[in-house]
PDB file of N, CA and C in Angstrom:
ATOM      1  N   MET A   1     -18.672  28.533   9.103  1.00  0.00           N
ATOM      2  CA  MET A   1     -18.052  27.240   8.892  1.00  0.00           C
ATOM      3  C   MET A   1     -18.267  26.317  10.089  1.00  0.00           C
ATOM      4  N   THR A   2     -18.327  26.881  11.270  1.00  0.00           N
ATOM      5  CA  THR A   2     -18.512  26.074  12.472  1.00  0.00           C
ATOM      6  C   THR A   2     -19.884  25.402  12.473  1.00  0.00           C
ATOM      7  N   VAL A   3     -20.893  26.121  11.984  1.00  0.00           N
ATOM      8  CA  VAL A   3     -22.238  25.547  11.931  1.00  0.00           C
ATOM      9  C   VAL A   3     -22.256  24.362  10.969  1.00  0.00           C
ATOM     10  N   LEU A   4     -21.590  24.509   9.829  1.00  0.00           N
ATOM     11  CA  LEU A   4     -21.517  23.433   8.847  1.00  0.00           C
ATOM     12  C   LEU A   4     -20.805  22.212   9.430  1.00  0.00           C
ATOM     13  N   LEU A   5     -19.698  22.426  10.105  1.00  0.00           N
ATOM     14  CA  LEU A   5     -18.966  21.302  10.709  1.00  0.00           C
ATOM     15  C   LEU A   5     -19.799  20.611  11.781  1.00  0.00           C
ATOM     16  N   ASN A   6     -20.482  21.395  12.605  1.00  0.00           N
ATOM     17  CA  ASN A   6     -21.330  20.792  13.641  1.00  0.00           C
ATOM     18  C   ASN A   6     -22.455  19.971  13.014  1.00  0.00           C
ATOM     19  N   LEU A   7     -23.039  20.480  11.938  1.00  0.00           N
ATOM     20  CA  LEU A   7     -24.087  19.746  11.237  1.00  0.00           C
ATOM     21  C   LEU A   7     -23.543  18.454  10.645  1.00  0.00           C
ATOM     22  N   LEU A   8     -22.366  18.519  10.055  1.00  0.00           N
ATOM     23  CA  LEU A   8     -21.755  17.311   9.487  1.00  0.00           C
ATOM     24  C   LEU A   8     -21.402  16.295  10.566  1.00  0.00           C
ATOM     25  N   PHE A   9     -20.921  16.762  11.705  1.00  0.00           N
ATOM     26  CA  PHE A   9     -20.622  15.844  12.807  1.00  0.00           C
ATOM     27  C   PHE A   9     -21.885  15.152  13.306  1.00  0.00           C
ATOM     28  N   LEU A  10     -22.984  15.881  13.379  1.00  0.00           N
ATOM     29  CA  LEU A  10     -24.254  15.266  13.779  1.00  0.00           C
ATOM     30  C   LEU A  10     -24.733  14.255  12.745  1.00  0.00           C
ATOM     31  N   MET A  11     -24.541  14.585  11.475  1.00  0.00           N
ATOM     32  CA  MET A  11     -24.931  13.643  10.425  1.00  0.00           C
ATOM     33  C   MET A  11     -24.068  12.387  10.457  1.00  0.00           C
ATOM     34  N   ILE A  12     -22.789  12.541  10.762  1.00  0.00           N
ATOM     35  CA  ILE A  12     -21.907  11.374  10.877  1.00  0.00           C
ATOM     36  C   ILE A  12     -22.334  10.507  12.052  1.00  0.00           C
ATOM     37  N   ALA A  13     -22.687  11.135  13.159  1.00  0.00           N
ATOM     38  CA  ALA A  13     -23.156  10.366  14.312  1.00  0.00           C
ATOM     39  C   ALA A  13     -24.444   9.622  13.984  1.00  0.00           C
ATOM     40  N   ALA A  14     -25.347  10.273  13.261  1.00  0.00           N
ATOM     41  CA  ALA A  14     -26.622   9.640  12.906  1.00  0.00           C
ATOM     42  C   ALA A  14     -26.414   8.489  11.920  1.00  0.00           C
ATOM     43  N   THR A  15     -25.594   8.703  10.893  1.00  0.00           N
ATOM     44  CA  THR A  15     -25.388   7.630   9.918  1.00  0.00           C
ATOM     45  C   THR A  15     -24.568   6.491  10.510  1.00  0.00           C
ATOM     46  N   GLY A  16     -23.627   6.806  11.383  1.00  0.00           N
ATOM     47  CA  GLY A  16     -22.870   5.745  12.061  1.00  0.00           C
ATOM     48  C   GLY A  16     -23.753   4.906  12.962  1.00  0.00           C
ATOM     49  N   ALA A  17     -24.657   5.568  13.671  1.00  0.00           N
ATOM     50  CA  ALA A  17     -25.595   4.828  14.515  1.00  0.00           C
ATOM     51  C   ALA A  17     -26.549   3.990  13.673  1.00  0.00           C
ATOM     52  N   SER A  18     -26.948   4.514  12.521  1.00  0.00           N
ATOM     53  CA  SER A  18     -27.852   3.734  11.670  1.00  0.00           C
ATOM     54  C   SER A  18     -27.161   2.499  11.109  1.00  0.00           C
ATOM     55  N   VAL A  19     -25.880   2.591  10.823  1.00  0.00           N
ATOM     56  CA  VAL A  19     -25.140   1.407  10.354  1.00  0.00           C
ATOM     57  C   VAL A  19     -25.166   0.318  11.421  1.00  0.00           C
ATOM     58  N   VAL A  20     -25.010   0.718  12.655  1.00  0.00           N
ATOM     59  CA  VAL A  20     -24.966  -0.255  13.747  1.00  0.00           C
ATOM     60  C   VAL A  20     -26.360  -0.790  14.074  1.00  0.00           C
ATOM     61  N   LEU A  21     -27.380   0.053  14.023  1.00  0.00           N
ATOM     62  CA  LEU A  21     -28.711  -0.345  14.471  1.00  0.00           C
ATOM     63  C   LEU A  21     -29.547  -1.067  13.420  1.00  0.00           C
ATOM     64  N   ILE A  22     -29.243  -0.885  12.157  1.00  0.00           N
ATOM     65  CA  ILE A  22     -30.001  -1.576  11.108  1.00  0.00           C
ATOM     66  C   ILE A  22     -29.609  -3.044  11.117  1.00  0.00           C
ATOM     67  N   ARG A  23     -30.601  -3.909  11.101  1.00  0.00           N
ATOM     68  CA  ARG A  23     -30.329  -5.342  11.223  1.00  0.00           C
ATOM     69  C   ARG A  23     -30.340  -6.075   9.881  1.00  0.00           C
ATOM     70  N   GLU A  24     -31.017  -5.552   8.865  1.00  0.00           N
ATOM     71  CA  GLU A  24     -31.075  -6.212   7.568  1.00  0.00           C
ATOM     72  C   GLU A  24     -29.807  -5.882   6.774  1.00  0.00           C
ATOM     73  N   PRO A  25     -29.080  -6.887   6.299  1.00  0.00           N
ATOM     74  CA  PRO A  25     -27.783  -6.646   5.656  1.00  0.00           C
ATOM     75  C   PRO A  25     -27.842  -5.740   4.425  1.00  0.00           C
ATOM     76  N   ARG A  26     -28.848  -5.876   3.593  1.00  0.00           N
ATOM     77  CA  ARG A  26     -28.908  -5.043   2.380  1.00  0.00           C
ATOM     78  C   ARG A  26     -29.132  -3.572   2.728  1.00  0.00           C
ATOM     79  N   ARG A  27     -29.966  -3.316   3.681  1.00  0.00           N
ATOM     80  CA  ARG A  27     -30.170  -1.927   4.114  1.00  0.00           C
ATOM     81  C   ARG A  27     -28.936  -1.388   4.823  1.00  0.00           C
ATOM     82  N   GLN A  28     -28.237  -2.256   5.513  1.00  0.00           N
ATOM     83  CA  GLN A  28     -27.023  -1.842   6.206  1.00  0.00           C
ATOM     84  C   GLN A  28     -25.942  -1.414   5.207  1.00  0.00           C
ATOM     85  N   VAL A  29     -25.886  -2.072   4.062  1.00  0.00           N
ATOM     86  CA  VAL A  29     -24.922  -1.688   3.031  1.00  0.00           C
ATOM     87  C   VAL A  29     -25.221  -0.279   2.518  1.00  0.00           C
ATOM     88  N   PHE A  30     -26.510   0.038   2.326  1.00  0.00           N
ATOM     89  CA  PHE A  30     -26.862   1.387   1.898  1.00  0.00           C
ATOM     90  C   PHE A  30     -26.542   2.415   2.984  1.00  0.00           C
ATOM     91  N   ALA A  31     -26.672   2.022   4.235  1.00  0.00           N
ATOM     92  CA  ALA A  31     -26.314   2.927   5.329  1.00  0.00           C
ATOM     93  C   ALA A  31     -24.803   3.162   5.363  1.00  0.00           C
ATOM     94  N   ILE A  32     -24.021   2.137   5.047  1.00  0.00           N
ATOM     95  CA  ILE A  32     -22.566   2.290   4.979  1.00  0.00           C
ATOM     96  C   ILE A  32     -22.198   3.257   3.857  1.00  0.00           C
ATOM     97  N   ALA A  33     -22.867   3.126   2.715  1.00  0.00           N
ATOM     98  CA  ALA A  33     -22.605   4.029   1.596  1.00  0.00           C
ATOM     99  C   ALA A  33     -22.977   5.468   1.952  1.00  0.00           C
ATOM    100  N   LEU A  34     -24.094   5.646   2.638  1.00  0.00           N
ATOM    101  CA  LEU A  34     -24.502   6.986   3.061  1.00  0.00           C
ATOM    102  C   LEU A  34     -23.514   7.569   4.064  1.00  0.00           C
ATOM    103  N   ASN A  35     -23.013   6.731   4.958  1.00  0.00           N
ATOM    104  CA  ASN A  35     -22.009   7.176   5.914  1.00  0.00           C
ATOM    105  C   ASN A  35     -20.742   7.616   5.185  1.00  0.00           C
ATOM    106  N   GLY A  36     -20.341   6.878   4.164  1.00  0.00           N
ATOM    107  CA  GLY A  36     -19.174   7.264   3.379  1.00  0.00           C
ATOM    108  C   GLY A  36     -19.385   8.581   2.653  1.00  0.00           C
ATOM    109  N   LEU A  37     -20.608   8.812   2.190  1.00  0.00           N
ATOM    110  CA  LEU A  37     -20.910  10.066   1.505  1.00  0.00           C
ATOM    111  C   LEU A  37     -20.841  11.253   2.470  1.00  0.00           C
ATOM    112  N   VAL A  38     -21.351  11.072   3.672  1.00  0.00           N
ATOM    113  CA  VAL A  38     -21.293  12.153   4.667  1.00  0.00           C
ATOM    114  C   VAL A  38     -19.845  12.406   5.082  1.00  0.00           C
ATOM    115  N   LEU A  39     -19.053  11.352   5.200  1.00  0.00           N
ATOM    116  CA  LEU A  39     -17.633  11.545   5.506  1.00  0.00           C
ATOM    117  C   LEU A  39     -16.922  12.277   4.376  1.00  0.00           C
ATOM    118  N   THR A  40     -17.314  12.006   3.137  1.00  0.00           N
ATOM    119  CA  THR A  40     -16.746  12.725   2.000  1.00  0.00           C
ATOM    120  C   THR A  40     -17.060  14.214   2.098  1.00  0.00           C
ATOM    121  N   LEU A  41     -18.290  14.541   2.473  1.00  0.00           N
ATOM    122  CA  LEU A  41     -18.659  15.947   2.646  1.00  0.00           C
ATOM    123  C   LEU A  41     -17.859  16.596   3.773  1.00  0.00           C
ATOM    124  N   LEU A  42     -17.634  15.864   4.847  1.00  0.00           N
ATOM    125  CA  LEU A  42     -16.844  16.401   5.957  1.00  0.00           C
ATOM    126  C   LEU A  42     -15.412  16.675   5.530  1.00  0.00           C
ATOM    127  N   PHE A  43     -14.807  15.736   4.832  1.00  0.00           N
ATOM    128  CA  PHE A  43     -13.428  15.931   4.389  1.00  0.00           C
ATOM    129  C   PHE A  43     -13.325  17.090   3.401  1.00  0.00           C
ATOM    130  N   THR A  44     -14.349  17.278   2.588  1.00  0.00           N
ATOM    131  CA  THR A  44     -14.362  18.414   1.678  1.00  0.00           C
ATOM    132  C   THR A  44     -14.472  19.721   2.463  1.00  0.00           C
ATOM    133  N   ALA A  45     -15.312  19.735   3.485  1.00  0.00           N
ATOM    134  CA  ALA A  45     -15.461  20.938   4.311  1.00  0.00           C
ATOM    135  C   ALA A  45     -14.186  21.242   5.086  1.00  0.00           C
ATOM    136  N   LEU A  46     -13.430  20.210   5.420  1.00  0.00           N
ATOM    137  CA  LEU A  46     -12.172  20.397   6.149  1.00  0.00           C
ATOM    138  C   LEU A  46     -10.994  20.674   5.210  1.00  0.00           C
ATOM    139  N   GLN A  47     -11.293  20.880   3.926  1.00  0.00           N
ATOM    140  CA  GLN A  47     -10.311  21.205   2.903  1.00  0.00           C
ATOM    141  C   GLN A  47      -9.247  20.125   2.759  1.00  0.00           C
ATOM    142  N   ALA A  48      -9.712  18.877   2.685  1.00  0.00           N
ATOM    143  CA  ALA A  48      -8.838  17.739   2.425  1.00  0.00           C
ATOM    144  C   ALA A  48      -9.368  17.006   1.192  1.00  0.00           C
ATOM    145  N   PRO A  49      -9.161  17.575   0.004  1.00  0.00           N
ATOM    146  CA  PRO A  49      -9.776  16.997  -1.191  1.00  0.00           C
ATOM    147  C   PRO A  49      -9.235  15.618  -1.561  1.00  0.00           C
ATOM    148  N   ASP A  50      -7.970  15.345  -1.282  1.00  0.00           N
ATOM    149  CA  ASP A  50      -7.419  14.026  -1.589  1.00  0.00           C
ATOM    150  C   ASP A  50      -8.058  12.944  -0.725  1.00  0.00           C
ATOM    151  N   VAL A  51      -8.254  13.230   0.537  1.00  0.00           N
ATOM    152  CA  VAL A  51      -8.908  12.276   1.425  1.00  0.00           C
ATOM    153  C   VAL A  51     -10.379  12.134   1.055  1.00  0.00           C
ATOM    154  N   ALA A  52     -11.008  13.221   0.650  1.00  0.00           N
ATOM    155  CA  ALA A  52     -12.417  13.181   0.250  1.00  0.00           C
ATOM    156  C   ALA A  52     -12.607  12.318  -0.990  1.00  0.00           C
ATOM    157  N   LEU A  53     -11.724  12.447  -1.968  1.00  0.00           N
ATOM    158  CA  LEU A  53     -11.828  11.616  -3.169  1.00  0.00           C
ATOM    159  C   LEU A  53     -11.584  10.150  -2.864  1.00  0.00           C
ATOM    160  N   SER A  54     -10.652   9.878  -1.975  1.00  0.00           N
ATOM    161  CA  SER A  54     -10.398   8.492  -1.577  1.00  0.00           C
ATOM    162  C   SER A  54     -11.608   7.905  -0.859  1.00  0.00           C
ATOM    163  N   GLU A  55     -12.205   8.680   0.029  1.00  0.00           N
ATOM    164  CA  GLU A  55     -13.398   8.211   0.740  1.00  0.00           C
ATOM    165  C   GLU A  55     -14.566   8.021  -0.215  1.00  0.00           C
ATOM    166  N   LEU A  56     -14.678   8.897  -1.191  1.00  0.00           N
ATOM    167  CA  LEU A  56     -15.747   8.768  -2.178  1.00  0.00           C
ATOM    168  C   LEU A  56     -15.585   7.483  -2.981  1.00  0.00           C
ATOM    169  N   ALA A  57     -14.370   7.188  -3.391  1.00  0.00           N
ATOM    170  CA  ALA A  57     -14.128   5.988  -4.205  1.00  0.00           C
ATOM    171  C   ALA A  57     -14.245   4.715  -3.385  1.00  0.00           C
ATOM    172  N   VAL A  58     -13.651   4.710  -2.212  1.00  0.00           N
ATOM    173  CA  VAL A  58     -13.589   3.476  -1.423  1.00  0.00           C
ATOM    174  C   VAL A  58     -14.809   3.329  -0.520  1.00  0.00           C
ATOM    175  N   GLY A  59     -15.091   4.324   0.308  1.00  0.00           N
ATOM    176  CA  GLY A  59     -16.140   4.203   1.313  1.00  0.00           C
ATOM    177  C   GLY A  59     -17.549   4.321   0.785  1.00  0.00           C
ATOM    178  N   THR A  60     -17.714   5.028  -0.333  1.00  0.00           N
ATOM    179  CA  THR A  60     -19.055   5.223  -0.860  1.00  0.00           C
ATOM    180  C   THR A  60     -19.362   4.278  -2.010  1.00  0.00           C
ATOM    181  N   ALA A  61     -18.342   3.869  -2.755  1.00  0.00           N
ATOM    182  CA  ALA A  61     -18.599   3.052  -3.940  1.00  0.00           C
ATOM    183  C   ALA A  61     -18.054   1.632  -3.830  1.00  0.00           C
ATOM    184  N   ALA A  62     -16.767   1.480  -3.608  1.00  0.00           N
ATOM    185  CA  ALA A  62     -16.129   0.162  -3.716  1.00  0.00           C
ATOM    186  C   ALA A  62     -16.571  -0.815  -2.624  1.00  0.00           C
ATOM    187  N   VAL A  63     -16.489  -0.402  -1.380  1.00  0.00           N
ATOM    188  CA  VAL A  63     -16.827  -1.309  -0.285  1.00  0.00           C
ATOM    189  C   VAL A  63     -18.305  -1.705  -0.294  1.00  0.00           C
ATOM    190  N   PRO A  64     -19.245  -0.759  -0.438  1.00  0.00           N
ATOM    191  CA  PRO A  64     -20.653  -1.195  -0.526  1.00  0.00           C
ATOM    192  C   PRO A  64     -20.928  -2.088  -1.737  1.00  0.00           C
ATOM    193  N   LEU A  65     -20.263  -1.817  -2.854  1.00  0.00           N
ATOM    194  CA  LEU A  65     -20.448  -2.663  -4.029  1.00  0.00           C
ATOM    195  C   LEU A  65     -19.955  -4.077  -3.762  1.00  0.00           C
ATOM    196  N   LEU A  66     -18.806  -4.205  -3.120  1.00  0.00           N
ATOM    197  CA  LEU A  66     -18.298  -5.539  -2.772  1.00  0.00           C
ATOM    198  C   LEU A  66     -19.223  -6.257  -1.792  1.00  0.00           C
ATOM    199  N   PHE A  67     -19.760  -5.521  -0.818  1.00  0.00           N
ATOM    200  CA  PHE A  67     -20.703  -6.130   0.126  1.00  0.00           C
ATOM    201  C   PHE A  67     -21.959  -6.610  -0.593  1.00  0.00           C
ATOM    202  N   MET A  68     -22.456  -5.825  -1.549  1.00  0.00           N
ATOM    203  CA  MET A  68     -23.653  -6.233  -2.290  1.00  0.00           C
ATOM    204  C   MET A  68     -23.383  -7.469  -3.145  1.00  0.00           C
ATOM    205  N   ILE A  69     -22.203  -7.555  -3.732  1.00  0.00           N
ATOM    206  CA  ILE A  69     -21.837  -8.739  -4.516  1.00  0.00           C
ATOM    207  C   ILE A  69     -21.784  -9.967  -3.620  1.00  0.00           C
ATOM    208  N   VAL A  70     -21.185  -9.823  -2.459  1.00  0.00           N
ATOM    209  CA  VAL A  70     -21.089 -10.955  -1.523  1.00  0.00           C
ATOM    210  C   VAL A  70     -22.475 -11.356  -1.034  1.00  0.00           C
ATOM    211  N   LEU A  71     -23.319 -10.377  -0.701  1.00  0.00           N
ATOM    212  CA  LEU A  71     -24.665 -10.704  -0.224  1.00  0.00           C
ATOM    213  C   LEU A  71     -25.497 -11.396  -1.299  1.00  0.00           C
ATOM    214  N   SER A  72     -25.301 -11.023  -2.554  1.00  0.00           N
ATOM    215  CA  SER A  72     -26.055 -11.688  -3.604  1.00  0.00           C
ATOM    216  C   SER A  72     -25.509 -13.082  -3.883  1.00  0.00           C
ATOM    217  N   ALA A  73     -24.239 -13.322  -3.575  1.00  0.00           N
ATOM    218  CA  ALA A  73     -23.647 -14.637  -3.796  1.00  0.00           C
ATOM    219  C   ALA A  73     -23.983 -15.614  -2.673  1.00  0.00           C
ATOM    220  N   VAL A  74     -24.213 -15.092  -1.488  1.00  0.00           N
ATOM    221  CA  VAL A  74     -24.526 -15.949  -0.351  1.00  0.00           C
ATOM    222  C   VAL A  74     -25.977 -16.381  -0.449  1.00  0.00           C
ATOM    223  N   ARG A  75     -26.179 -17.659  -0.415  1.00  0.00           N
ATOM    224  CA  ARG A  75     -27.543 -18.194  -0.498  1.00  0.00           C
ATOM    225  C   ARG A  75     -28.055 -18.431   0.911  1.00  0.00           C
ATOM    226  N   THR A  76     -29.160 -17.835   1.235  1.00  0.00           N
ATOM    227  CA  THR A  76     -29.731 -18.027   2.565  1.00  0.00           C
ATOM    228  C   THR A  76     -30.943 -18.923   2.460  1.00  0.00           C
ATOM    229  N   ALA A  77     -31.070 -19.802   3.430  1.00  0.00           N
ATOM    230  CA  ALA A  77     -32.203 -20.724   3.471  1.00  0.00           C
ATOM    231  C   ALA A  77     -33.332 -20.101   4.277  1.00  0.00           C
ATOM    232  N   GLU A  78     -34.543 -20.421   3.906  1.00  0.00           N
ATOM    233  CA  GLU A  78     -35.705 -19.984   4.659  1.00  0.00           C
ATOM    234  C   GLU A  78     -35.733 -20.714   5.998  1.00  0.00           C
ATOM    235  N   PRO A  79     -36.272 -20.075   7.056  1.00  0.00           N
ATOM    236  CA  PRO A  79     -36.374 -20.769   8.334  1.00  0.00           C
ATOM    237  C   PRO A  79     -37.248 -22.032   8.182  1.00  0.00           C
ATOM    238  N   GLY A  80     -36.771 -23.118   8.737  1.00  0.00           N
ATOM    239  CA  GLY A  80     -37.501 -24.368   8.665  1.00  0.00           C
ATOM    240  C   GLY A  80     -37.147 -25.183   7.434  1.00  0.00           C
ATOM    241  N   GLN A  81     -36.170 -24.724   6.675  1.00  0.00           N
ATOM    242  CA  GLN A  81     -35.769 -25.455   5.481  1.00  0.00           C
ATOM    243  C   GLN A  81     -34.447 -26.161   5.767  1.00  0.00           C
ATOM    244  N   ASP A  82     -34.383 -27.451   5.448  1.00  0.00           N
ATOM    245  CA  ASP A  82     -33.181 -28.233   5.670  1.00  0.00           C
ATOM    246  C   ASP A  82     -32.215 -27.962   4.511  1.00  0.00           C
ATOM    247  N   THR A  83     -31.046 -27.427   4.825  1.00  0.00           N
ATOM    248  CA  THR A  83     -30.106 -27.071   3.750  1.00  0.00           C
ATOM    249  C   THR A  83     -29.301 -28.278   3.290  1.00  0.00           C
ATOM    250  N   GLN A  84     -29.238 -29.345   4.080  1.00  0.00           N
ATOM    251  CA  GLN A  84     -28.441 -30.519   3.704  1.00  0.00           C
ATOM    252  C   GLN A  84     -29.126 -31.331   2.617  1.00  0.00           C
ATOM    253  N   SER A  85     -30.411 -31.615   2.770  1.00  0.00           N
ATOM    254  CA  SER A  85     -31.097 -32.457   1.818  1.00  0.00           C
ATOM    255  C   SER A  85     -31.900 -31.667   0.780  1.00  0.00           C
ATOM    256  N   GLY A  86     -32.086 -30.372   1.022  1.00  0.00           N
ATOM    257  CA  GLY A  86     -32.844 -29.545   0.103  1.00  0.00           C
ATOM    258  C   GLY A  86     -34.337 -29.697   0.243  1.00  0.00           C
ATOM    259  N   GLU A  87     -34.812 -30.434   1.260  1.00  0.00           N
ATOM    260  CA  GLU A  87     -36.238 -30.639   1.462  1.00  0.00           C
ATOM    261  C   GLU A  87     -36.708 -29.797   2.637  1.00  0.00           C
ATOM    262  N   ASP A  88     -38.011 -29.497   2.642  1.00  0.00           N
ATOM    263  CA  ASP A  88     -38.578 -28.748   3.753  1.00  0.00           C
ATOM    264  C   ASP A  88     -38.619 -29.610   5.006  1.00  0.00           C
ATOM    265  N   ALA A  89     -38.381 -28.998   6.136  1.00  0.00           N
ATOM    266  CA  ALA A  89     -38.398 -29.729   7.405  1.00  0.00           C
ATOM    267  C   ALA A  89     -39.796 -29.864   7.930  1.00  0.00           C
TER     268      ALA A  89
END
């Protein structure tokens, strides 16, 4: 069990670092979902099924889904494009 926990802790460190280091927002959302999935596995290994189910629902599904909805709703302008008049600069 100790080997499994150590492996999960390393995976959490790796996925947490990837969330911070990834600069593209859409890829960062997938990294957040992956981090939530690894945390779900850790909570399951630690015999906390209620916390694992909550993390699965919220950290792996709900929050990344909300971030993806917000990212698709936000309109980004191309560099060099004037957003006030709608014409190219």
